[in-house]
Amino acid sequence: AASIIGRYLNTQYRGPSNKKRRIISTAAQSIMLYGAEIWAPAMDVQKYRKQLETVHRRLLIRVVAAIEPFSRSVAGYIRDSPY
C-alpha cells in the first residue's frame, strides 16, 4: 500500500495536481481510520504497525510538500515524528 500511495502522490515527476493529491490522501486516511477498530489487534505486531506508520508518514510528507511555500520545519517535524 505504501508504494502505491507513494507512486500516486509523487511530487517529483509531474504527479497529480494538489487537489487530486489531497483527495487521494483523504481517501487513504479514511480507509486507515475506518478499519482501525478491526485492525487494533494487528497493531500489536510491529511489522504491521510499521507498515501503517510508513503509509501515514508518506501521506503527510506529500501533502506538506504540495503546500507553497514548503515549510522545512514542518517537514523536519514529520520526519522526526514517532507517528
PDB file of N, CA and C in Angstrom:
ATOM      1  N   ALA A   1       0.829  -1.199   0.000  1.00  0.00           N
ATOM      2  CA  ALA A   1       0.000   0.000   0.000  1.00  0.00           C
ATOM      3  C   ALA A   1       0.868   1.255   0.000  1.00  0.00           C
ATOM      4  N   ALA A   2       1.956   1.225   0.750  1.00  0.00           N
ATOM      5  CA  ALA A   2       2.811   2.412   0.842  1.00  0.00           C
ATOM      6  C   ALA A   2       3.417   2.764  -0.506  1.00  0.00           C
ATOM      7  N   SER A   3       3.832   1.761  -1.269  1.00  0.00           N
ATOM      8  CA  SER A   3       4.445   2.054  -2.569  1.00  0.00           C
ATOM      9  C   SER A   3       3.421   2.567  -3.567  1.00  0.00           C
ATOM     10  N   ILE A   4       2.206   2.052  -3.520  1.00  0.00           N
ATOM     11  CA  ILE A   4       1.159   2.521  -4.427  1.00  0.00           C
ATOM     12  C   ILE A   4       0.804   3.963  -4.120  1.00  0.00           C
ATOM     13  N   ILE A   5       0.617   4.278  -2.863  1.00  0.00           N
ATOM     14  CA  ILE A   5       0.290   5.652  -2.482  1.00  0.00           C
ATOM     15  C   ILE A   5       1.438   6.579  -2.835  1.00  0.00           C
ATOM     16  N   GLY A   6       2.658   6.136  -2.591  1.00  0.00           N
ATOM     17  CA  GLY A   6       3.816   6.951  -2.943  1.00  0.00           C
ATOM     18  C   GLY A   6       3.880   7.246  -4.424  1.00  0.00           C
ATOM     19  N   ARG A   7       3.522   6.278  -5.242  1.00  0.00           N
ATOM     20  CA  ARG A   7       3.530   6.467  -6.689  1.00  0.00           C
ATOM     21  C   ARG A   7       2.482   7.494  -7.114  1.00  0.00           C
ATOM     22  N   TYR A   8       1.289   7.419  -6.531  1.00  0.00           N
ATOM     23  CA  TYR A   8       0.230   8.353  -6.893  1.00  0.00           C
ATOM     24  C   TYR A   8       0.489   9.755  -6.369  1.00  0.00           C
ATOM     25  N   LEU A   9       1.185   9.847  -5.269  1.00  0.00           N
ATOM     26  CA  LEU A   9       1.406  11.155  -4.661  1.00  0.00           C
ATOM     27  C   LEU A   9       2.783  11.717  -4.968  1.00  0.00           C
ATOM     28  N   ASN A  10       3.489  11.130  -5.902  1.00  0.00           N
ATOM     29  CA  ASN A  10       4.843  11.574  -6.226  1.00  0.00           C
ATOM     30  C   ASN A  10       4.835  13.027  -6.689  1.00  0.00           C
ATOM     31  N   THR A  11       5.622  13.851  -6.019  1.00  0.00           N
ATOM     32  CA  THR A  11       5.660  15.275  -6.342  1.00  0.00           C
ATOM     33  C   THR A  11       6.807  15.616  -7.276  1.00  0.00           C
ATOM     34  N   GLN A  12       7.677  14.685  -7.589  1.00  0.00           N
ATOM     35  CA  GLN A  12       8.856  14.987  -8.387  1.00  0.00           C
ATOM     36  C   GLN A  12       8.611  14.877  -9.885  1.00  0.00           C
ATOM     37  N   TYR A  13       7.789  13.983 -10.315  1.00  0.00           N
ATOM     38  CA  TYR A  13       7.641  13.709 -11.741  1.00  0.00           C
ATOM     39  C   TYR A  13       6.217  13.962 -12.217  1.00  0.00           C
ATOM     40  N   ARG A  14       5.838  15.215 -12.219  1.00  0.00           N
ATOM     41  CA  ARG A  14       4.529  15.615 -12.717  1.00  0.00           C
ATOM     42  C   ARG A  14       3.428  14.718 -12.174  1.00  0.00           C
ATOM     43  N   GLY A  15       3.409  14.516 -10.894  1.00  0.00           N
ATOM     44  CA  GLY A  15       2.376  13.722 -10.260  1.00  0.00           C
ATOM     45  C   GLY A  15       1.036  14.429 -10.348  1.00  0.00           C
ATOM     46  N   PRO A  16       0.049  13.953  -9.641  1.00  0.00           N
ATOM     47  CA  PRO A  16      -1.272  14.571  -9.696  1.00  0.00           C
ATOM     48  C   PRO A  16      -1.247  16.000  -9.159  1.00  0.00           C
ATOM     49  N   SER A  17      -2.262  16.756  -9.511  1.00  0.00           N
ATOM     50  CA  SER A  17      -2.362  18.134  -9.034  1.00  0.00           C
ATOM     51  C   SER A  17      -2.548  18.138  -7.518  1.00  0.00           C
ATOM     52  N   ASN A  18      -2.396  19.297  -6.918  1.00  0.00           N
ATOM     53  CA  ASN A  18      -2.546  19.406  -5.466  1.00  0.00           C
ATOM     54  C   ASN A  18      -3.933  18.962  -5.018  1.00  0.00           C
ATOM     55  N   LYS A  19      -4.948  19.316  -5.800  1.00  0.00           N
ATOM     56  CA  LYS A  19      -6.318  18.937  -5.443  1.00  0.00           C
ATOM     57  C   LYS A  19      -6.475  17.412  -5.465  1.00  0.00           C
ATOM     58  N   LYS A  20      -5.971  16.762  -6.509  1.00  0.00           N
ATOM     59  CA  LYS A  20      -6.061  15.303  -6.596  1.00  0.00           C
ATOM     60  C   LYS A  20      -5.234  14.644  -5.500  1.00  0.00           C
ATOM     61  N   ARG A  21      -4.068  15.204  -5.210  1.00  0.00           N
ATOM     62  CA  ARG A  21      -3.207  14.673  -4.156  1.00  0.00           C
ATOM     63  C   ARG A  21      -3.927  14.719  -2.811  1.00  0.00           C
ATOM     64  N   ARG A  22      -4.634  15.805  -2.565  1.00  0.00           N
ATOM     65  CA  ARG A  22      -5.378  15.936  -1.312  1.00  0.00           C
ATOM     66  C   ARG A  22      -6.514  14.920  -1.243  1.00  0.00           C
ATOM     67  N   ILE A  23      -7.202  14.696  -2.360  1.00  0.00           N
ATOM     68  CA  ILE A  23      -8.294  13.722  -2.390  1.00  0.00           C
ATOM     69  C   ILE A  23      -7.761  12.315  -2.125  1.00  0.00           C
ATOM     70  N   ILE A  24      -6.658  11.959  -2.758  1.00  0.00           N
ATOM     71  CA  ILE A  24      -6.065  10.633  -2.559  1.00  0.00           C
ATOM     72  C   ILE A  24      -5.641  10.449  -1.108  1.00  0.00           C
ATOM     73  N   SER A  25      -5.019  11.462  -0.525  1.00  0.00           N
ATOM     74  CA  SER A  25      -4.571  11.335   0.859  1.00  0.00           C
ATOM     75  C   SER A  25      -5.751  11.253   1.815  1.00  0.00           C
ATOM     76  N   THR A  26      -6.817  12.000   1.531  1.00  0.00           N
ATOM     77  CA  THR A  26      -8.014  11.937   2.374  1.00  0.00           C
ATOM     78  C   THR A  26      -8.648  10.555   2.296  1.00  0.00           C
ATOM     79  N   ALA A  27      -8.709   9.986   1.096  1.00  0.00           N
ATOM     80  CA  ALA A  27      -9.272   8.646   0.935  1.00  0.00           C
ATOM     81  C   ALA A  27      -8.438   7.606   1.682  1.00  0.00           C
ATOM     82  N   ALA A  28      -7.124   7.692   1.562  1.00  0.00           N
ATOM     83  CA  ALA A  28      -6.254   6.736   2.262  1.00  0.00           C
ATOM     84  C   ALA A  28      -6.399   6.874   3.776  1.00  0.00           C
ATOM     85  N   GLN A  29      -6.478   8.116   4.254  1.00  0.00           N
ATOM     86  CA  GLN A  29      -6.656   8.352   5.688  1.00  0.00           C
ATOM     87  C   GLN A  29      -7.987   7.767   6.158  1.00  0.00           C
ATOM     88  N   SER A  30      -9.040   7.943   5.364  1.00  0.00           N
ATOM     89  CA  SER A  30     -10.353   7.403   5.718  1.00  0.00           C
ATOM     90  C   SER A  30     -10.326   5.883   5.790  1.00  0.00           C
ATOM     91  N   ILE A  31      -9.631   5.262   4.847  1.00  0.00           N
ATOM     92  CA  ILE A  31      -9.523   3.799   4.851  1.00  0.00           C
ATOM     93  C   ILE A  31      -8.813   3.323   6.111  1.00  0.00           C
ATOM     94  N   MET A  32      -7.732   4.002   6.479  1.00  0.00           N
ATOM     95  CA  MET A  32      -6.990   3.606   7.679  1.00  0.00           C
ATOM     96  C   MET A  32      -7.842   3.781   8.932  1.00  0.00           C
ATOM     97  N   LEU A  33      -8.587   4.867   9.016  1.00  0.00           N
ATOM     98  CA  LEU A  33      -9.403   5.108  10.201  1.00  0.00           C
ATOM     99  C   LEU A  33     -10.631   4.205  10.246  1.00  0.00           C
ATOM    100  N   TYR A  34     -11.218   3.899   9.088  1.00  0.00           N
ATOM    101  CA  TYR A  34     -12.401   3.048   9.030  1.00  0.00           C
ATOM    102  C   TYR A  34     -12.108   1.665   9.599  1.00  0.00           C
ATOM    103  N   GLY A  35     -10.953   1.133   9.274  1.00  0.00           N
ATOM    104  CA  GLY A  35     -10.604  -0.198   9.738  1.00  0.00           C
ATOM    105  C   GLY A  35      -9.839  -0.232  11.044  1.00  0.00           C
ATOM    106  N   ALA A  36      -9.666   0.915  11.687  1.00  0.00           N
ATOM    107  CA  ALA A  36      -8.820   0.988  12.883  1.00  0.00           C
ATOM    108  C   ALA A  36      -9.290   0.056  13.997  1.00  0.00           C
ATOM    109  N   GLU A  37     -10.582  -0.009  14.214  1.00  0.00           N
ATOM    110  CA  GLU A  37     -11.096  -0.849  15.297  1.00  0.00           C
ATOM    111  C   GLU A  37     -10.851  -2.331  15.004  1.00  0.00           C
ATOM    112  N   ILE A  38     -11.002  -2.711  13.762  1.00  0.00           N
ATOM    113  CA  ILE A  38     -10.782  -4.105  13.377  1.00  0.00           C
ATOM    114  C   ILE A  38      -9.293  -4.436  13.382  1.00  0.00           C
ATOM    115  N   TRP A  39      -8.469  -3.479  12.964  1.00  0.00           N
ATOM    116  CA  TRP A  39      -7.035  -3.712  12.857  1.00  0.00           C
ATOM    117  C   TRP A  39      -6.297  -3.552  14.188  1.00  0.00           C
ATOM    118  N   ALA A  40      -6.986  -3.134  15.227  1.00  0.00           N
ATOM    119  CA  ALA A  40      -6.331  -2.870  16.514  1.00  0.00           C
ATOM    120  C   ALA A  40      -5.503  -4.062  17.009  1.00  0.00           C
ATOM    121  N   PRO A  41      -6.022  -5.295  16.966  1.00  0.00           N
ATOM    122  CA  PRO A  41      -5.191  -6.422  17.415  1.00  0.00           C
ATOM    123  C   PRO A  41      -3.934  -6.612  16.560  1.00  0.00           C
ATOM    124  N   ALA A  42      -4.016  -6.298  15.275  1.00  0.00           N
ATOM    125  CA  ALA A  42      -2.854  -6.452  14.393  1.00  0.00           C
ATOM    126  C   ALA A  42      -1.770  -5.430  14.715  1.00  0.00           C
ATOM    127  N   MET A  43      -2.126  -4.344  15.363  1.00  0.00           N
ATOM    128  CA  MET A  43      -1.144  -3.309  15.695  1.00  0.00           C
ATOM    129  C   MET A  43      -0.186  -3.761  16.789  1.00  0.00           C
ATOM    130  N   ASP A  44      -0.492  -4.900  17.423  1.00  0.00           N
ATOM    131  CA  ASP A  44       0.444  -5.471  18.390  1.00  0.00           C
ATOM    132  C   ASP A  44       1.659  -6.074  17.685  1.00  0.00           C
ATOM    133  N   VAL A  45       1.511  -6.375  16.402  1.00  0.00           N
ATOM    134  CA  VAL A  45       2.615  -6.913  15.604  1.00  0.00           C
ATOM    135  C   VAL A  45       3.377  -5.727  15.014  1.00  0.00           C
ATOM    136  N   GLN A  46       4.652  -5.631  15.350  1.00  0.00           N
ATOM    137  CA  GLN A  46       5.447  -4.466  14.953  1.00  0.00           C
ATOM    138  C   GLN A  46       5.506  -4.298  13.438  1.00  0.00           C
ATOM    139  N   LYS A  47       5.545  -5.377  12.690  1.00  0.00           N
ATOM    140  CA  LYS A  47       5.625  -5.308  11.227  1.00  0.00           C
ATOM    141  C   LYS A  47       4.417  -4.567  10.653  1.00  0.00           C
ATOM    142  N   TYR A  48       3.222  -4.903  11.118  1.00  0.00           N
ATOM    143  CA  TYR A  48       2.010  -4.274  10.598  1.00  0.00           C
ATOM    144  C   TYR A  48       1.909  -2.818  11.040  1.00  0.00           C
ATOM    145  N   ARG A  49       2.296  -2.562  12.267  1.00  0.00           N
ATOM    146  CA  ARG A  49       2.272  -1.187  12.775  1.00  0.00           C
ATOM    147  C   ARG A  49       3.227  -0.309  11.970  1.00  0.00           C
ATOM    148  N   LYS A  50       4.401  -0.840  11.652  1.00  0.00           N
ATOM    149  CA  LYS A  50       5.391  -0.095  10.877  1.00  0.00           C
ATOM    150  C   LYS A  50       4.875   0.198   9.464  1.00  0.00           C
ATOM    151  N   GLN A  51       4.183  -0.764   8.845  1.00  0.00           N
ATOM    152  CA  GLN A  51       3.621  -0.544   7.512  1.00  0.00           C
ATOM    153  C   GLN A  51       2.599   0.587   7.530  1.00  0.00           C
ATOM    154  N   LEU A  52       1.738   0.593   8.529  1.00  0.00           N
ATOM    155  CA  LEU A  52       0.735   1.648   8.638  1.00  0.00           C
ATOM    156  C   LEU A  52       1.391   2.999   8.901  1.00  0.00           C
ATOM    157  N   GLU A  53       2.405   3.031   9.741  1.00  0.00           N
ATOM    158  CA  GLU A  53       3.126   4.280  10.007  1.00  0.00           C
ATOM    159  C   GLU A  53       3.814   4.798   8.746  1.00  0.00           C
ATOM    160  N   THR A  54       4.344   3.884   7.930  1.00  0.00           N
ATOM    161  CA  THR A  54       5.008   4.286   6.689  1.00  0.00           C
ATOM    162  C   THR A  54       4.029   4.952   5.734  1.00  0.00           C
ATOM    163  N   VAL A  55       2.861   4.362   5.571  1.00  0.00           N
ATOM    164  CA  VAL A  55       1.840   4.950   4.698  1.00  0.00           C
ATOM    165  C   VAL A  55       1.430   6.316   5.225  1.00  0.00           C
ATOM    166  N   HIS A  56       1.180   6.404   6.506  1.00  0.00           N
ATOM    167  CA  HIS A  56       0.745   7.666   7.107  1.00  0.00           C
ATOM    168  C   HIS A  56       1.803   8.748   6.942  1.00  0.00           C
ATOM    169  N   ARG A  57       3.042   8.408   7.178  1.00  0.00           N
ATOM    170  CA  ARG A  57       4.128   9.384   7.046  1.00  0.00           C
ATOM    171  C   ARG A  57       4.281   9.854   5.603  1.00  0.00           C
ATOM    172  N   ARG A  58       4.189   8.930   4.646  1.00  0.00           N
ATOM    173  CA  ARG A  58       4.277   9.326   3.233  1.00  0.00           C
ATOM    174  C   ARG A  58       3.155  10.283   2.859  1.00  0.00           C
ATOM    175  N   LEU A  59       1.969  10.007   3.351  1.00  0.00           N
ATOM    176  CA  LEU A  59       0.851  10.907   3.078  1.00  0.00           C
ATOM    177  C   LEU A  59       1.132  12.297   3.620  1.00  0.00           C
ATOM    178  N   LEU A  60       1.593  12.362   4.852  1.00  0.00           N
ATOM    179  CA  LEU A  60       1.873  13.664   5.457  1.00  0.00           C
ATOM    180  C   LEU A  60       2.933  14.430   4.682  1.00  0.00           C
ATOM    181  N   ILE A  61       4.002  13.758   4.317  1.00  0.00           N
ATOM    182  CA  ILE A  61       5.087  14.429   3.600  1.00  0.00           C
ATOM    183  C   ILE A  61       4.618  14.917   2.243  1.00  0.00           C
ATOM    184  N   ARG A  62       3.848  14.110   1.519  1.00  0.00           N
ATOM    185  CA  ARG A  62       3.380  14.514   0.194  1.00  0.00           C
ATOM    186  C   ARG A  62       2.437  15.704   0.271  1.00  0.00           C
ATOM    187  N   VAL A  63       1.563  15.700   1.255  1.00  0.00           N
ATOM    188  CA  VAL A  63       0.619  16.815   1.375  1.00  0.00           C
ATOM    189  C   VAL A  63       1.347  18.088   1.780  1.00  0.00           C
ATOM    190  N   VAL A  64       2.263  17.997   2.730  1.00  0.00           N
ATOM    191  CA  VAL A  64       3.010  19.177   3.157  1.00  0.00           C
ATOM    192  C   VAL A  64       3.882  19.696   2.018  1.00  0.00           C
ATOM    193  N   ALA A  65       4.455  18.795   1.218  1.00  0.00           N
ATOM    194  CA  ALA A  65       5.300  19.214   0.098  1.00  0.00           C
ATOM    195  C   ALA A  65       4.501  19.951  -0.967  1.00  0.00           C
ATOM    196  N   ALA A  66       3.205  19.720  -1.026  1.00  0.00           N
ATOM    197  CA  ALA A  66       2.365  20.379  -2.028  1.00  0.00           C
ATOM    198  C   ALA A  66       2.015  21.806  -1.628  1.00  0.00           C
ATOM    199  N   ILE A  67       2.198  22.139  -0.372  1.00  0.00           N
ATOM    200  CA  ILE A  67       1.845  23.470   0.115  1.00  0.00           C
ATOM    201  C   ILE A  67       2.971  24.434  -0.215  1.00  0.00           C
ATOM    202  N   GLU A  68       2.628  25.573  -0.757  1.00  0.00           N
ATOM    203  CA  GLU A  68       3.623  26.607  -1.091  1.00  0.00           C
ATOM    204  C   GLU A  68       3.539  27.711  -0.062  1.00  0.00           C
ATOM    205  N   PRO A  69       4.566  28.225   0.478  1.00  0.00           N
ATOM    206  CA  PRO A  69       5.932  27.734   0.364  1.00  0.00           C
ATOM    207  C   PRO A  69       6.131  26.525   1.270  1.00  0.00           C
ATOM    208  N   PHE A  70       6.990  25.656   0.846  1.00  0.00           N
ATOM    209  CA  PHE A  70       7.265  24.431   1.584  1.00  0.00           C
ATOM    210  C   PHE A  70       7.969  24.766   2.890  1.00  0.00           C
ATOM    211  N   SER A  71       7.443  24.284   3.974  1.00  0.00           N
ATOM    212  CA  SER A  71       8.000  24.574   5.286  1.00  0.00           C
ATOM    213  C   SER A  71       8.977  23.475   5.698  1.00  0.00           C
ATOM    214  N   ARG A  72      10.250  23.824   5.783  1.00  0.00           N
ATOM    215  CA  ARG A  72      11.253  22.838   6.192  1.00  0.00           C
ATOM    216  C   ARG A  72      11.065  22.425   7.647  1.00  0.00           C
ATOM    217  N   SER A  73      10.610  23.341   8.479  1.00  0.00           N
ATOM    218  CA  SER A  73      10.416  22.991   9.886  1.00  0.00           C
ATOM    219  C   SER A  73       9.298  21.968  10.037  1.00  0.00           C
ATOM    220  N   VAL A  74       8.234  22.110   9.246  1.00  0.00           N
ATOM    221  CA  VAL A  74       7.141  21.142   9.298  1.00  0.00           C
ATOM    222  C   VAL A  74       7.618  19.793   8.769  1.00  0.00           C
ATOM    223  N   ALA A  75       8.380  19.804   7.688  1.00  0.00           N
ATOM    224  CA  ALA A  75       8.905  18.554   7.133  1.00  0.00           C
ATOM    225  C   ALA A  75       9.824  17.865   8.143  1.00  0.00           C
ATOM    226  N   GLY A  76      10.633  18.635   8.839  1.00  0.00           N
ATOM    227  CA  GLY A  76      11.503  18.066   9.863  1.00  0.00           C
ATOM    228  C   GLY A  76      10.712  17.471  11.008  1.00  0.00           C
ATOM    229  N   TYR A  77       9.630  18.144  11.376  1.00  0.00           N
ATOM    230  CA  TYR A  77       8.778  17.627  12.444  1.00  0.00           C
ATOM    231  C   TYR A  77       8.153  16.297  12.033  1.00  0.00           C
ATOM    232  N   ILE A  78       7.648  16.233  10.813  1.00  0.00           N
ATOM    233  CA  ILE A  78       7.029  14.998  10.339  1.00  0.00           C
ATOM    234  C   ILE A  78       8.069  13.885  10.262  1.00  0.00           C
ATOM    235  N   ARG A  79       9.260  14.203   9.756  1.00  0.00           N
ATOM    236  CA  ARG A  79      10.316  13.202   9.630  1.00  0.00           C
ATOM    237  C   ARG A  79      10.689  12.629  10.996  1.00  0.00           C
ATOM    238  N   ASP A  80      10.751  13.488  12.008  1.00  0.00           N
ATOM    239  CA  ASP A  80      11.174  13.062  13.337  1.00  0.00           C
ATOM    240  C   ASP A  80      10.026  12.586  14.211  1.00  0.00           C
ATOM    241  N   SER A  81       8.809  12.710  13.716  1.00  0.00           N
ATOM    242  CA  SER A  81       7.635  12.342  14.493  1.00  0.00           C
ATOM    243  C   SER A  81       7.567  10.826  14.680  1.00  0.00           C
ATOM    244  N   PRO A  82       7.190  10.374  15.869  1.00  0.00           N
ATOM    245  CA  PRO A  82       7.073   8.932  16.089  1.00  0.00           C
ATOM    246  C   PRO A  82       5.813   8.348  15.479  1.00  0.00           C
ATOM    247  N   TYR A  83       4.911   9.164  14.943  1.00  0.00           N
ATOM    248  CA  TYR A  83       3.634   8.679  14.393  1.00  0.00           C
ATOM    249  C   TYR A  83       3.710   8.415  12.936  1.00  0.00           C
TER     250      TYR A  83
END
